[in-house]
């Protein structure tokens, strides 16, 4: 079992109040850092509030970000139940975005009836993300490769594939009309774009929010009440005993990482087809790594994923506005996120040492 997974199991045993206290402590330190930079604390707080939930537009953008974090976090929890640590959310998002764009722009789906113009690119992206995650599973069961290393390295490969596809006119780059033409894909057709719940760009929350909530409920029920969830837990606790009990450990390993990857691919499709509408270098913006933290801090619970995703979604939105309006670097938000992780991990380690003393 990897060190990350061992720490995750310690975090899962923490009382629920510990993450809450860690978040509060991190926010207090963040406020002190704002003062230390010489920025106006009142102006920074006002800007943060405005960017996070000061308008229907801000709330919608925050919810869309939380959707991506939630999907990656759910995948992390599913993989962790099988004793696996999926740190490849960033790459799985990237692969999903590439395939969603390719199918939407060049797949001949524009104008298909019954929502198929949206459904087909989304499903293709989910499948691609699943295959990208499943590849790490195959490497683990066939070659003994640690999934932490393989999923991380596959992420870097996927990020560079995005760069390649948007730089090459033979792949996804839009036709170059001048030297100023940006290296990005053509805009996906309107019929392939993920619909907005409100129908208005004044509050552009996408249907991805509903999809994430439905998948969260399904995942929670499956992990708690299904044979599949029991087998995953058995494999994670003791793969040798699970194998002797007739559970196909290798198949479950690949399947767990496939599911995690497919959720990452789905997140990439929702980002691309729901908000950005064209593939650009760096379009995933580190969301996969933030989603990893959300999954790690969820304490093995899907409800924890939703709470963490909302927290990080509003944090990211507020931080961007805080930088623009108050001159406070967005890096401060990353510091706060890091402090939350360190606080919870430290509490888990301290309680584990205390219980073993």
Protein backbone atom coordinates (compact mmCIF):
# COMPACT_ATOMS: atom_id res chain seq x y z
CA UNK A 1 0.00 0.00 0.00
CA UNK A 2 1.38 3.39 -0.96
CA UNK A 3 2.17 6.10 1.56
CA UNK A 4 -0.57 8.28 0.10
CA UNK A 5 -3.15 5.56 0.55
CA UNK A 6 -1.96 4.86 4.08
CA UNK A 7 -2.38 8.53 4.91
CA UNK A 8 -5.82 8.45 3.30
CA UNK A 9 -6.86 5.59 5.57
CA UNK A 10 -5.70 7.59 8.60
CA UNK A 11 -7.68 10.61 7.41
CA UNK A 12 -10.78 8.43 7.00
CA UNK A 13 -10.62 7.59 10.72
CA UNK A 14 -10.53 11.23 11.82
CA UNK A 15 -13.57 12.72 13.58
CA UNK A 16 -15.61 14.93 11.24
CA UNK A 17 -14.78 18.03 13.29
CA UNK A 18 -11.07 17.81 12.43
CA UNK A 19 -11.43 18.79 8.73
CA UNK A 20 -13.74 21.65 9.75
CA UNK A 21 -11.19 22.97 12.24
CA UNK A 22 -8.42 22.55 9.66
CA UNK A 23 -10.35 24.66 7.15
CA UNK A 24 -11.00 27.38 9.74
CA UNK A 25 -7.34 27.42 10.81
CA UNK A 26 -6.20 27.63 7.18
CA UNK A 27 -8.55 30.56 6.54
CA UNK A 28 -7.22 32.40 9.58
CA UNK A 29 -3.65 31.94 8.38
CA UNK A 30 -4.74 33.10 4.94
CA UNK A 31 -6.17 36.30 6.42
CA UNK A 32 -2.92 36.91 8.28
CA UNK A 33 -0.97 36.46 5.05
CA UNK A 34 -3.19 39.01 3.31
CA UNK A 35 -2.37 41.52 6.04
CA UNK A 36 1.33 40.63 5.75
CA UNK A 37 1.31 41.46 2.03
CA UNK A 38 0.08 44.97 2.84
CA UNK A 39 -3.25 44.51 1.08
CA UNK A 40 -6.47 45.83 2.52
CA UNK A 41 -8.08 42.99 4.44
CA UNK A 42 -11.57 44.40 4.03
CA UNK A 43 -11.10 44.90 0.29
CA UNK A 44 -9.70 41.40 -0.11
CA UNK A 45 -12.59 39.79 1.77
CA UNK A 46 -15.11 41.82 -0.21
CA UNK A 47 -13.47 40.83 -3.51
CA UNK A 48 -13.32 37.19 -2.49
CA UNK A 49 -17.00 37.16 -1.51
CA UNK A 50 -17.99 38.89 -4.73
CA UNK A 51 -16.02 36.41 -6.85
CA UNK A 52 -17.21 33.32 -5.02
CA UNK A 53 -20.91 34.00 -4.48
CA UNK A 54 -21.55 37.70 -5.07
CA UNK A 55 -23.78 37.18 -8.11
CA UNK A 56 -25.65 34.46 -9.95
CA UNK A 57 -22.80 34.37 -12.48
CA UNK A 58 -20.17 33.93 -9.76
CA UNK A 59 -22.16 31.16 -8.08
CA UNK A 60 -22.62 29.39 -11.41
CA UNK A 61 -18.91 29.49 -12.23
CA UNK A 62 -18.07 28.22 -8.73
CA UNK A 63 -20.54 25.35 -9.10
CA UNK A 64 -19.09 24.43 -12.48
CA UNK A 65 -15.63 24.26 -10.94
CA UNK A 66 -16.98 22.20 -8.05
CA UNK A 67 -18.48 19.78 -10.60
CA UNK A 68 -15.04 18.99 -12.02
CA UNK A 69 -13.54 18.56 -8.54
CA UNK A 70 -16.41 16.30 -7.52
CA UNK A 71 -16.06 13.97 -10.51
CA UNK A 72 -12.31 13.59 -10.01
CA UNK A 73 -12.81 13.18 -6.26
CA UNK A 74 -15.44 10.48 -6.69
CA UNK A 75 -13.06 8.60 -8.95
CA UNK A 76 -10.31 8.91 -6.36
CA UNK A 77 -12.55 7.47 -3.63
CA UNK A 78 -13.61 4.54 -5.81
CA UNK A 79 -10.01 3.70 -6.64
CA UNK A 80 -8.96 4.15 -3.01
CA UNK A 81 -11.62 1.66 -1.91
CA UNK A 82 -9.70 -0.93 -3.95
CA UNK A 83 -6.41 0.05 -2.31
CA UNK A 84 -5.32 2.24 -5.24
CA UNK A 85 -4.19 5.87 -5.39
CA UNK A 86 -5.23 7.59 -8.60
CA UNK A 87 -3.26 10.81 -8.98
CA UNK A 88 -3.89 11.03 -12.71
CA UNK A 89 -7.01 13.18 -12.73
CA UNK A 90 -5.26 15.97 -14.62
CA UNK A 91 -4.28 13.67 -17.46
CA UNK A 92 -7.67 12.01 -17.57
CA UNK A 93 -9.32 15.44 -17.84
CA UNK A 94 -6.91 16.32 -20.65
CA UNK A 95 -7.65 13.14 -22.59
CA UNK A 96 -11.37 13.67 -22.13
CA UNK A 97 -11.09 17.22 -23.43
CA UNK A 98 -9.13 16.11 -26.50
CA UNK A 99 -11.58 13.38 -27.47
CA UNK A 100 -14.66 15.50 -26.72
CA UNK A 101 -13.29 18.21 -29.01
CA UNK A 102 -12.28 15.80 -31.77
CA UNK A 103 -15.68 14.09 -31.82
CA UNK A 104 -17.62 17.36 -31.57
CA UNK A 105 -15.65 19.11 -34.32
CA UNK A 106 -14.73 16.26 -36.68
CA UNK A 107 -16.96 13.36 -35.64
CA UNK A 108 -19.98 14.27 -37.75
CA UNK A 109 -22.27 14.53 -34.72
CA UNK A 110 -23.35 18.14 -35.27
CA UNK A 111 -27.10 18.25 -35.70
CA UNK A 112 -27.86 14.71 -34.55
CA UNK A 113 -31.31 14.45 -32.90
CA UNK A 114 -32.35 13.52 -29.36
CA UNK A 115 -29.31 15.14 -27.77
CA UNK A 116 -26.93 12.67 -29.42
CA UNK A 117 -24.78 15.57 -30.59
CA UNK A 118 -23.87 16.11 -26.94
CA UNK A 119 -24.15 12.57 -25.60
CA UNK A 120 -21.76 10.97 -28.10
CA UNK A 121 -18.79 13.32 -27.47
CA UNK A 122 -19.36 13.09 -23.71
CA UNK A 123 -19.47 9.28 -23.76
CA UNK A 124 -16.42 9.14 -26.04
CA UNK A 125 -14.52 11.39 -23.63
CA UNK A 126 -15.54 9.23 -20.68
CA UNK A 127 -14.40 6.09 -22.48
CA UNK A 128 -11.08 7.70 -23.39
CA UNK A 129 -10.49 8.79 -19.80
CA UNK A 130 -11.39 5.30 -18.64
CA UNK A 131 -8.91 3.71 -21.02
CA UNK A 132 -6.23 6.16 -19.88
CA UNK A 133 -6.89 5.24 -16.25
CA UNK A 134 -7.29 1.56 -17.06
CA UNK A 135 -3.87 1.58 -18.73
CA UNK A 136 -2.34 2.30 -15.33
CA UNK A 137 -4.31 -0.64 -13.96
CA UNK A 138 -2.98 -2.95 -16.66
CA UNK A 139 0.57 -1.78 -15.96
CA UNK A 140 0.04 -2.54 -12.29
CA UNK A 141 -1.32 -6.06 -12.68
CA UNK A 142 0.95 -7.08 -15.57
CA UNK A 143 4.21 -5.35 -14.71
CA UNK A 144 3.82 -4.44 -11.04
CA UNK A 145 4.08 -0.70 -11.79
CA UNK A 146 3.03 1.50 -8.88
CA UNK A 147 -0.18 3.28 -9.92
CA UNK A 148 0.92 6.51 -8.24
CA UNK A 149 3.88 6.72 -10.61
CA UNK A 150 2.05 5.53 -13.73
CA UNK A 151 -1.03 7.75 -13.33
CA UNK A 152 1.16 10.77 -12.60
CA UNK A 153 3.43 10.19 -15.60
CA UNK A 154 0.45 9.49 -17.84
CA UNK A 155 -0.88 12.91 -16.81
CA UNK A 156 2.24 14.62 -18.12
CA UNK A 157 1.97 12.64 -21.35
CA UNK A 158 -1.67 13.69 -21.78
CA UNK A 159 -0.85 17.36 -21.13
CA UNK A 160 1.79 17.27 -23.85
CA UNK A 161 -0.64 15.54 -26.22
CA UNK A 162 -3.00 18.50 -25.71
CA UNK A 163 -0.13 20.82 -26.64
CA UNK A 164 0.61 18.74 -29.74
CA UNK A 165 -2.99 18.58 -30.95
CA UNK A 166 -3.62 22.33 -30.66
CA UNK A 167 -0.31 23.19 -32.34
CA UNK A 168 -0.83 20.97 -35.38
CA UNK A 169 -3.25 21.98 -38.14
CA UNK A 170 -3.29 18.29 -39.16
CA UNK A 171 -4.92 17.49 -35.81
CA UNK A 172 -7.15 19.92 -33.93
CA UNK A 173 -5.66 23.39 -34.45
CA UNK A 174 -8.01 25.86 -36.06
CA UNK A 175 -7.11 26.94 -39.62
CA UNK A 176 -4.37 29.57 -39.52
CA UNK A 177 -5.45 32.76 -41.28
CA UNK A 178 -2.58 34.90 -39.98
CA UNK A 179 0.42 34.82 -37.69
CA UNK A 180 -1.88 36.02 -34.91
CA UNK A 181 -4.15 32.96 -35.09
CA UNK A 182 -4.16 31.38 -31.66
CA UNK A 183 -3.01 27.75 -31.21
CA UNK A 184 -6.37 26.29 -30.25
CA UNK A 185 -9.08 24.16 -31.77
CA UNK A 186 -12.10 25.49 -33.65
CA UNK A 187 -15.10 26.30 -31.49
CA UNK A 188 -17.26 23.22 -30.97
CA UNK A 189 -20.65 23.44 -32.73
CA UNK A 190 -23.51 24.87 -30.71
CA UNK A 191 -25.45 21.60 -30.88
CA UNK A 192 -22.59 19.72 -29.17
CA UNK A 193 -22.30 22.11 -26.23
CA UNK A 194 -23.41 20.86 -22.81
CA UNK A 195 -26.71 22.65 -22.04
CA UNK A 196 -27.08 25.26 -19.35
CA UNK A 197 -29.54 24.56 -16.55
CA UNK A 198 -30.73 28.15 -16.58
CA UNK A 199 -30.64 28.63 -20.34
CA UNK A 200 -28.90 31.97 -19.77
CA UNK A 201 -25.22 32.94 -19.84
CA UNK A 202 -25.97 35.38 -17.03
CA UNK A 203 -25.99 32.29 -14.78
CA UNK A 204 -24.09 29.70 -16.84
CA UNK A 205 -24.33 26.69 -14.54
CA UNK A 206 -24.25 23.59 -16.75
CA UNK A 207 -26.17 20.34 -16.55
CA UNK A 208 -22.87 18.83 -15.43
CA UNK A 209 -23.81 19.79 -11.87
CA UNK A 210 -26.83 17.48 -12.04
CA UNK A 211 -24.78 14.72 -13.67
CA UNK A 212 -22.17 14.93 -10.90
CA UNK A 213 -24.82 14.77 -8.17
CA UNK A 214 -26.51 11.75 -9.78
CA UNK A 215 -23.19 9.96 -10.14
CA UNK A 216 -22.33 10.81 -6.53
CA UNK A 217 -25.55 9.18 -5.32
CA UNK A 218 -24.94 6.11 -7.51
CA UNK A 219 -21.34 5.82 -6.29
CA UNK A 220 -22.35 6.17 -2.64
CA UNK A 221 -24.99 3.45 -2.95
CA UNK A 222 -22.71 1.17 -4.96
CA UNK A 223 -19.85 1.47 -2.48
CA UNK A 224 -22.06 0.96 0.56
CA UNK A 225 -24.66 -1.57 -0.55
CA UNK A 226 -23.58 -3.48 -3.65
CA UNK A 227 -21.53 -6.60 -4.24
CA UNK A 228 -19.23 -4.48 -6.36
CA UNK A 229 -18.57 -2.15 -3.42
CA UNK A 230 -17.94 -5.08 -1.09
CA UNK A 231 -15.49 -6.65 -3.52
CA UNK A 232 -13.65 -3.36 -3.96
CA UNK A 233 -13.30 -3.01 -0.19
CA UNK A 234 -12.15 -6.61 0.19
CA UNK A 235 -9.52 -6.15 -2.53
CA UNK A 236 -8.32 -2.96 -0.88
CA UNK A 237 -8.07 -4.51 2.58
CA UNK A 238 -6.43 -7.80 1.65
CA UNK A 239 -5.94 -8.69 -2.02
CA UNK A 240 -4.48 -12.10 -1.18
CA UNK A 241 -7.52 -13.12 0.88
CA UNK A 242 -9.81 -11.63 -1.76
CA UNK A 243 -8.16 -13.74 -4.45
CA UNK A 244 -8.56 -16.87 -2.35
CA UNK A 245 -12.22 -16.00 -1.86
CA UNK A 246 -12.71 -16.05 -5.62
CA UNK A 247 -12.71 -12.30 -6.26
CA UNK A 248 -10.91 -11.41 -9.53
CA UNK A 249 -8.38 -9.03 -7.97
CA UNK A 250 -6.61 -8.08 -11.19
CA UNK A 251 -9.87 -7.38 -12.98
CA UNK A 252 -11.14 -5.28 -10.06
CA UNK A 253 -7.88 -3.33 -10.03
CA UNK A 254 -8.16 -2.42 -13.69
CA UNK A 255 -11.88 -1.72 -13.36
CA UNK A 256 -11.42 0.62 -10.39
CA UNK A 257 -8.85 2.71 -12.26
CA UNK A 258 -10.99 2.58 -15.41
CA UNK A 259 -13.95 4.02 -13.52
CA UNK A 260 -11.79 6.69 -11.92
CA UNK A 261 -10.38 7.60 -15.32
CA UNK A 262 -13.79 7.67 -16.96
CA UNK A 263 -15.01 10.18 -14.38
CA UNK A 264 -11.95 12.31 -15.10
CA UNK A 265 -12.66 12.08 -18.84
CA UNK A 266 -16.26 13.08 -18.18
CA UNK A 267 -15.02 16.09 -16.21
CA UNK A 268 -12.86 17.10 -19.17
CA UNK A 269 -15.79 16.83 -21.57
CA UNK A 270 -18.02 18.94 -19.32
CA UNK A 271 -15.30 21.60 -19.00
CA UNK A 272 -14.70 21.70 -22.72
CA UNK A 273 -18.24 21.39 -24.04
CA UNK A 274 -19.93 23.24 -21.21
CA UNK A 275 -17.75 26.28 -20.64
CA UNK A 276 -14.62 26.68 -22.76
CA UNK A 277 -15.94 25.46 -26.15
CA UNK A 278 -12.47 25.20 -27.70
CA UNK A 279 -9.39 23.18 -26.75
CA UNK A 280 -6.40 25.22 -25.58
CA UNK A 281 -3.08 24.39 -23.96
CA UNK A 282 -3.53 24.23 -20.20
CA UNK A 283 -7.32 24.17 -20.43
CA UNK A 284 -7.57 21.86 -17.39
CA UNK A 285 -5.89 24.52 -15.19
CA UNK A 286 -4.74 22.06 -12.52
CA UNK A 287 -8.28 20.96 -11.71
CA UNK A 288 -7.24 17.33 -11.71
CA UNK A 289 -4.70 17.89 -8.97
CA UNK A 290 -7.19 19.89 -6.90
CA UNK A 291 -9.72 17.09 -7.39
CA UNK A 292 -7.13 14.66 -6.07
CA UNK A 293 -6.89 16.70 -2.87
CA UNK A 294 -10.68 16.78 -2.62
CA UNK A 295 -10.77 13.00 -2.87
CA UNK A 296 -7.99 12.59 -0.34
CA UNK A 297 -9.68 14.83 2.20
CA UNK A 298 -13.11 13.26 1.73
CA UNK A 299 -12.25 10.59 4.31
CA UNK A 300 -13.47 7.87 1.94
CA UNK A 301 -16.98 9.31 1.84
CA UNK A 302 -18.80 10.55 -1.25
CA UNK A 303 -20.54 13.17 0.88
CA UNK A 304 -17.09 14.41 1.85
CA UNK A 305 -16.20 14.70 -1.83
CA UNK A 306 -19.21 16.94 -2.46
CA UNK A 307 -18.38 19.15 0.53
CA UNK A 308 -14.72 19.41 -0.46
CA UNK A 309 -15.57 20.10 -4.11
CA UNK A 310 -17.87 22.97 -3.15
CA UNK A 311 -15.24 24.41 -0.82
CA UNK A 312 -12.48 24.27 -3.43
CA UNK A 313 -14.79 25.48 -6.21
CA UNK A 314 -15.75 28.63 -4.33
CA UNK A 315 -12.17 29.10 -3.12
CA UNK A 316 -10.83 29.09 -6.68
CA UNK A 317 -13.47 31.55 -7.93
CA UNK A 318 -13.03 33.90 -4.99
CA UNK A 319 -9.26 33.79 -5.30
CA UNK A 320 -9.30 34.84 -8.96
CA UNK A 321 -11.49 37.87 -8.24
CA UNK A 322 -9.43 38.71 -5.15
CA UNK A 323 -6.33 38.98 -7.30
CA UNK A 324 -8.01 41.16 -9.92
CA UNK A 325 -9.86 43.48 -7.53
CA UNK A 326 -7.60 43.57 -4.45
CA UNK A 327 -4.17 42.69 -5.82
CA UNK A 328 -3.86 39.59 -3.63
CA UNK A 329 -2.04 36.78 -5.53
CA UNK A 330 -4.16 33.74 -6.37
CA UNK A 331 -1.26 31.70 -5.04
CA UNK A 332 -2.66 32.56 -1.62
CA UNK A 333 -5.61 30.25 -2.34
CA UNK A 334 -3.19 27.43 -3.12
CA UNK A 335 -1.40 28.16 0.15
CA UNK A 336 -4.71 27.88 2.01
CA UNK A 337 -5.46 24.59 0.24
CA UNK A 338 -2.01 23.31 1.15
CA UNK A 339 -2.50 24.33 4.78
CA UNK A 340 -5.78 22.42 4.88
CA UNK A 341 -4.04 19.29 3.61
CA UNK A 342 -1.10 19.67 6.00
CA UNK A 343 -3.40 20.32 8.97
CA UNK A 344 -5.57 17.28 8.32
CA UNK A 345 -2.64 15.02 7.48
CA UNK A 346 -0.83 16.21 10.61
CA UNK A 347 -3.88 15.55 12.76
CA UNK A 348 -4.21 12.06 11.26
CA UNK A 349 -0.56 11.30 11.93
CA UNK A 350 -0.71 12.64 15.51
CA UNK A 351 -3.86 10.67 16.34
CA UNK A 352 -2.37 7.53 14.79
CA UNK A 353 0.80 7.89 16.90
CA UNK A 354 -1.29 8.55 19.99
CA UNK A 355 -3.46 5.48 19.47
CA UNK A 356 -0.36 3.29 19.00
CA UNK A 357 1.44 4.69 22.04
